[in-house]
Amino acid sequence: MSYQLYRNTTLGHSLQECLDELIQTRQITPALALQVLLEFDKAISKAFASMKSKTTFKGNLRTYRFCDNVWTFVLDEVTFKEGSGPEVHVDKVKIVACDAKGSGEIS
């Protein structure tokens, strides 16, 4: 079971655009495109679950929300640090955190 929220990433959008083009040129069916998206959901969830590195971050919390068992945080002036690697600074970041066994999953 996996969430569909990774479809809203750059990689997910690119995949959907490619699948839409293949559907429009009749190279694949919409059913096959849906099957590909479901496999994408499973694969990216599995990849994140197997990550063992620890990342820390600091920033200014602008907004937060808890709805339908999903936390959403928007932070400004954020600094990320992974292990002993260099710090990465970004102006704004949105973090969506879902329960791994929550009700928002698909099979």
N, C-alpha and C. Protein backbone atom coordinates (compact mmCIF):
# COMPACT_ATOMS: atom_id res chain seq x y z
N MET A 1 0.84 -1.18 0.00
CA MET A 1 0.00 0.00 0.00
C MET A 1 0.89 1.24 0.00
N SER A 2 0.48 2.26 -0.75
CA SER A 2 1.29 3.47 -0.82
C SER A 2 0.41 4.68 -1.12
N TYR A 3 0.96 5.84 -0.77
CA TYR A 3 0.26 7.10 -1.00
C TYR A 3 0.48 7.59 -2.42
N GLN A 4 -0.44 8.41 -2.88
CA GLN A 4 -0.33 9.01 -4.20
C GLN A 4 0.35 10.38 -4.14
N LEU A 5 0.74 10.85 -2.97
CA LEU A 5 1.24 12.22 -2.85
C LEU A 5 2.55 12.44 -3.60
N TYR A 6 3.32 11.41 -3.88
CA TYR A 6 4.58 11.58 -4.62
C TYR A 6 4.34 11.90 -6.09
N ARG A 7 3.11 11.74 -6.54
CA ARG A 7 2.77 12.13 -7.91
C ARG A 7 2.84 13.65 -8.08
N ASN A 8 2.79 14.37 -6.96
CA ASN A 8 2.83 15.83 -7.01
C ASN A 8 4.26 16.37 -6.91
N THR A 9 5.24 15.53 -7.18
CA THR A 9 6.64 15.96 -7.22
C THR A 9 7.03 16.21 -8.67
N THR A 10 8.21 16.78 -8.88
CA THR A 10 8.68 17.02 -10.24
C THR A 10 8.74 15.71 -11.01
N LEU A 11 9.26 14.67 -10.38
CA LEU A 11 9.35 13.36 -11.04
C LEU A 11 7.96 12.81 -11.37
N GLY A 12 7.04 12.93 -10.42
CA GLY A 12 5.68 12.46 -10.65
C GLY A 12 4.97 13.20 -11.76
N HIS A 13 5.15 14.54 -11.79
CA HIS A 13 4.54 15.34 -12.86
C HIS A 13 5.12 14.95 -14.23
N SER A 14 6.43 14.74 -14.27
CA SER A 14 7.07 14.35 -15.54
C SER A 14 6.54 13.01 -16.02
N LEU A 15 6.41 12.07 -15.11
CA LEU A 15 5.87 10.76 -15.47
C LEU A 15 4.45 10.90 -16.02
N GLN A 16 3.62 11.67 -15.34
CA GLN A 16 2.24 11.84 -15.80
C GLN A 16 2.18 12.51 -17.17
N GLU A 17 3.04 13.49 -17.41
CA GLU A 17 3.07 14.14 -18.72
C GLU A 17 3.45 13.15 -19.82
N CYS A 18 4.46 12.31 -19.54
CA CYS A 18 4.87 11.30 -20.53
C CYS A 18 3.74 10.30 -20.79
N LEU A 19 3.08 9.87 -19.72
CA LEU A 19 1.99 8.92 -19.89
C LEU A 19 0.84 9.55 -20.67
N ASP A 20 0.54 10.82 -20.38
CA ASP A 20 -0.53 11.51 -21.13
C ASP A 20 -0.20 11.58 -22.62
N GLU A 21 1.06 11.87 -22.93
CA GLU A 21 1.47 11.92 -24.33
C GLU A 21 1.33 10.56 -25.00
N LEU A 22 1.72 9.50 -24.29
CA LEU A 22 1.59 8.15 -24.85
C LEU A 22 0.13 7.77 -25.06
N ILE A 23 -0.73 8.22 -24.15
CA ILE A 23 -2.17 7.95 -24.32
C ILE A 23 -2.70 8.71 -25.54
N GLN A 24 -2.32 9.98 -25.67
CA GLN A 24 -2.81 10.79 -26.79
C GLN A 24 -2.36 10.24 -28.15
N THR A 25 -1.16 9.66 -28.19
CA THR A 25 -0.67 9.08 -29.45
C THR A 25 -1.09 7.62 -29.59
N ARG A 26 -1.91 7.17 -28.66
CA ARG A 26 -2.48 5.81 -28.67
C ARG A 26 -1.42 4.71 -28.63
N GLN A 27 -0.32 5.01 -27.95
CA GLN A 27 0.72 3.99 -27.79
C GLN A 27 0.46 3.13 -26.56
N ILE A 28 -0.29 3.69 -25.58
CA ILE A 28 -0.71 2.90 -24.42
C ILE A 28 -2.16 3.25 -24.10
N THR A 29 -2.79 2.40 -23.33
CA THR A 29 -4.17 2.65 -22.92
C THR A 29 -4.18 3.41 -21.59
N PRO A 30 -5.29 4.10 -21.29
CA PRO A 30 -5.39 4.75 -19.98
C PRO A 30 -5.26 3.76 -18.81
N ALA A 31 -5.73 2.55 -19.00
CA ALA A 31 -5.61 1.54 -17.95
C ALA A 31 -4.15 1.20 -17.67
N LEU A 32 -3.35 1.11 -18.73
CA LEU A 32 -1.93 0.83 -18.55
C LEU A 32 -1.24 2.01 -17.87
N ALA A 33 -1.62 3.23 -18.23
CA ALA A 33 -1.04 4.42 -17.60
C ALA A 33 -1.34 4.42 -16.10
N LEU A 34 -2.56 4.06 -15.73
CA LEU A 34 -2.92 3.99 -14.32
C LEU A 34 -2.10 2.93 -13.60
N GLN A 35 -1.89 1.81 -14.25
CA GLN A 35 -1.08 0.74 -13.67
C GLN A 35 0.36 1.22 -13.45
N VAL A 36 0.91 1.98 -14.40
CA VAL A 36 2.26 2.53 -14.26
C VAL A 36 2.32 3.49 -13.07
N LEU A 37 1.30 4.35 -12.92
CA LEU A 37 1.27 5.28 -11.79
C LEU A 37 1.19 4.55 -10.45
N LEU A 38 0.42 3.48 -10.40
CA LEU A 38 0.33 2.69 -9.17
C LEU A 38 1.68 2.06 -8.83
N GLU A 39 2.39 1.57 -9.84
CA GLU A 39 3.73 1.01 -9.61
C GLU A 39 4.70 2.10 -9.16
N PHE A 40 4.57 3.30 -9.74
CA PHE A 40 5.39 4.44 -9.31
C PHE A 40 5.16 4.73 -7.83
N ASP A 41 3.88 4.76 -7.41
CA ASP A 41 3.55 5.01 -6.01
C ASP A 41 4.22 4.00 -5.10
N LYS A 42 4.14 2.73 -5.47
CA LYS A 42 4.74 1.66 -4.66
C LYS A 42 6.27 1.77 -4.64
N ALA A 43 6.87 2.02 -5.80
CA ALA A 43 8.33 2.04 -5.90
C ALA A 43 8.93 3.21 -5.13
N ILE A 44 8.34 4.38 -5.23
CA ILE A 44 8.92 5.53 -4.54
C ILE A 44 8.72 5.41 -3.03
N SER A 45 7.59 4.87 -2.61
CA SER A 45 7.38 4.63 -1.18
C SER A 45 8.39 3.63 -0.63
N LYS A 46 8.64 2.57 -1.39
CA LYS A 46 9.61 1.55 -0.98
C LYS A 46 11.02 2.15 -0.92
N ALA A 47 11.36 3.01 -1.87
CA ALA A 47 12.69 3.63 -1.89
C ALA A 47 12.89 4.51 -0.66
N PHE A 48 11.89 5.30 -0.31
CA PHE A 48 12.02 6.15 0.87
C PHE A 48 12.04 5.33 2.15
N ALA A 49 11.31 4.24 2.19
CA ALA A 49 11.28 3.39 3.39
C ALA A 49 12.62 2.73 3.64
N SER A 50 13.39 2.49 2.59
CA SER A 50 14.67 1.80 2.75
C SER A 50 15.83 2.76 3.05
N MET A 51 15.58 4.06 3.04
CA MET A 51 16.66 5.03 3.32
C MET A 51 17.04 4.96 4.78
N LYS A 52 18.33 4.95 5.05
CA LYS A 52 18.81 4.85 6.43
C LYS A 52 19.53 6.10 6.91
N SER A 53 19.72 7.10 6.04
CA SER A 53 20.43 8.30 6.44
C SER A 53 19.53 9.20 7.28
N LYS A 54 20.15 10.03 8.11
CA LYS A 54 19.43 10.93 8.97
C LYS A 54 19.64 12.37 8.48
N THR A 55 18.55 13.09 8.29
CA THR A 55 18.61 14.47 7.86
C THR A 55 17.97 15.34 8.93
N THR A 56 18.64 16.42 9.27
CA THR A 56 18.07 17.38 10.21
C THR A 56 17.78 18.68 9.47
N PHE A 57 16.85 19.45 9.99
CA PHE A 57 16.54 20.73 9.37
C PHE A 57 16.09 21.72 10.44
N LYS A 58 16.35 23.00 10.16
CA LYS A 58 15.92 24.09 11.03
C LYS A 58 15.31 25.16 10.14
N GLY A 59 14.28 25.80 10.64
CA GLY A 59 13.66 26.86 9.87
C GLY A 59 12.62 27.58 10.70
N ASN A 60 11.99 28.56 10.10
CA ASN A 60 10.93 29.33 10.75
C ASN A 60 9.59 28.77 10.30
N LEU A 61 8.83 28.25 11.25
CA LEU A 61 7.53 27.65 10.95
C LEU A 61 6.54 28.76 10.61
N ARG A 62 6.04 28.72 9.38
CA ARG A 62 5.07 29.73 8.95
C ARG A 62 3.64 29.24 9.20
N THR A 63 3.33 28.02 8.75
CA THR A 63 2.00 27.46 9.00
C THR A 63 2.11 25.95 9.23
N TYR A 64 1.12 25.41 9.91
CA TYR A 64 1.03 23.96 10.06
C TYR A 64 -0.44 23.58 10.09
N ARG A 65 -0.70 22.32 9.73
CA ARG A 65 -2.08 21.85 9.68
C ARG A 65 -2.07 20.34 9.90
N PHE A 66 -3.09 19.84 10.60
CA PHE A 66 -3.29 18.41 10.77
C PHE A 66 -4.71 18.10 10.34
N CYS A 67 -4.85 17.39 9.22
CA CYS A 67 -6.17 17.09 8.68
C CYS A 67 -6.15 15.69 8.08
N ASP A 68 -7.14 14.90 8.40
CA ASP A 68 -7.26 13.54 7.87
C ASP A 68 -6.00 12.73 8.11
N ASN A 69 -5.42 12.86 9.29
CA ASN A 69 -4.24 12.09 9.69
C ASN A 69 -2.99 12.45 8.88
N VAL A 70 -2.95 13.67 8.33
CA VAL A 70 -1.81 14.14 7.55
C VAL A 70 -1.35 15.48 8.11
N TRP A 71 -0.07 15.56 8.47
CA TRP A 71 0.53 16.82 8.91
C TRP A 71 1.10 17.54 7.69
N THR A 72 0.87 18.86 7.63
CA THR A 72 1.47 19.70 6.59
C THR A 72 2.15 20.87 7.29
N PHE A 73 3.43 21.07 6.99
CA PHE A 73 4.21 22.17 7.56
C PHE A 73 4.76 23.02 6.42
N VAL A 74 4.70 24.34 6.57
CA VAL A 74 5.35 25.25 5.63
C VAL A 74 6.36 26.05 6.43
N LEU A 75 7.63 25.97 6.01
CA LEU A 75 8.72 26.64 6.72
C LEU A 75 9.43 27.62 5.80
N ASP A 76 9.96 28.69 6.38
CA ASP A 76 10.76 29.68 5.67
C ASP A 76 12.20 29.62 6.17
N GLU A 77 13.13 30.04 5.31
CA GLU A 77 14.56 30.12 5.67
C GLU A 77 15.03 28.82 6.32
N VAL A 78 14.99 27.74 5.56
CA VAL A 78 15.26 26.40 6.07
C VAL A 78 16.68 25.96 5.73
N THR A 79 17.32 25.30 6.70
CA THR A 79 18.65 24.73 6.52
C THR A 79 18.55 23.22 6.73
N PHE A 80 18.98 22.45 5.72
CA PHE A 80 19.01 21.00 5.81
C PHE A 80 20.45 20.53 5.97
N LYS A 81 20.64 19.46 6.74
CA LYS A 81 21.96 18.86 6.88
C LYS A 81 21.79 17.36 6.95
N GLU A 82 22.48 16.64 6.06
CA GLU A 82 22.43 15.18 6.04
C GLU A 82 23.75 14.65 6.54
N GLY A 83 23.72 13.97 7.69
CA GLY A 83 24.94 13.39 8.27
C GLY A 83 26.02 14.43 8.42
N SER A 84 27.21 14.12 7.91
CA SER A 84 28.34 15.05 8.00
C SER A 84 28.49 15.88 6.73
N GLY A 85 27.49 15.85 5.85
CA GLY A 85 27.53 16.58 4.59
C GLY A 85 27.33 18.08 4.80
N PRO A 86 27.43 18.83 3.72
CA PRO A 86 27.27 20.28 3.81
C PRO A 86 25.82 20.68 4.07
N GLU A 87 25.63 21.87 4.63
CA GLU A 87 24.29 22.39 4.84
C GLU A 87 23.73 22.93 3.53
N VAL A 88 22.43 22.77 3.36
CA VAL A 88 21.74 23.28 2.18
C VAL A 88 20.68 24.25 2.67
N HIS A 89 20.67 25.46 2.11
CA HIS A 89 19.72 26.50 2.52
C HIS A 89 18.67 26.69 1.42
N VAL A 90 17.41 26.78 1.84
CA VAL A 90 16.31 27.07 0.91
C VAL A 90 15.42 28.15 1.51
N ASP A 91 14.76 28.92 0.65
CA ASP A 91 13.90 29.99 1.13
C ASP A 91 12.61 29.47 1.75
N LYS A 92 12.03 28.44 1.13
CA LYS A 92 10.73 27.94 1.58
C LYS A 92 10.64 26.45 1.31
N VAL A 93 10.00 25.72 2.23
CA VAL A 93 9.80 24.29 2.02
C VAL A 93 8.44 23.89 2.60
N LYS A 94 7.79 22.94 1.92
CA LYS A 94 6.53 22.38 2.39
C LYS A 94 6.78 20.91 2.69
N ILE A 95 6.44 20.49 3.90
CA ILE A 95 6.63 19.10 4.31
C ILE A 95 5.26 18.50 4.57
N VAL A 96 4.99 17.35 3.93
CA VAL A 96 3.75 16.62 4.15
C VAL A 96 4.14 15.29 4.77
N ALA A 97 3.61 15.03 5.97
CA ALA A 97 3.95 13.80 6.70
C ALA A 97 2.69 12.97 6.90
N CYS A 98 2.74 11.74 6.41
CA CYS A 98 1.59 10.83 6.49
C CYS A 98 1.96 9.61 7.31
N ASP A 99 0.99 9.08 8.00
CA ASP A 99 1.17 7.85 8.74
C ASP A 99 1.39 6.71 7.76
N ALA A 100 2.43 5.92 7.99
CA ALA A 100 2.75 4.82 7.07
C ALA A 100 1.64 3.79 6.97
N LYS A 101 0.78 3.71 7.97
CA LYS A 101 -0.33 2.77 7.94
C LYS A 101 -1.67 3.49 8.06
N GLY A 102 -1.74 4.71 7.53
CA GLY A 102 -2.93 5.55 7.66
C GLY A 102 -4.03 5.20 6.68
N SER A 103 -5.12 5.94 6.82
CA SER A 103 -6.30 5.67 6.00
C SER A 103 -6.20 6.27 4.60
N GLY A 104 -5.17 7.10 4.32
CA GLY A 104 -5.04 7.73 3.02
C GLY A 104 -4.30 6.89 2.01
N GLU A 105 -4.14 5.62 2.29
CA GLU A 105 -3.36 4.76 1.41
C GLU A 105 -4.23 4.14 0.34
N ILE A 106 -3.57 3.70 -0.71
CA ILE A 106 -4.25 2.95 -1.76
C ILE A 106 -3.60 1.57 -1.85
N SER A 107 -4.30 0.63 -2.40
CA SER A 107 -3.72 -0.72 -2.52
C SER A 107 -3.08 -0.92 -3.86
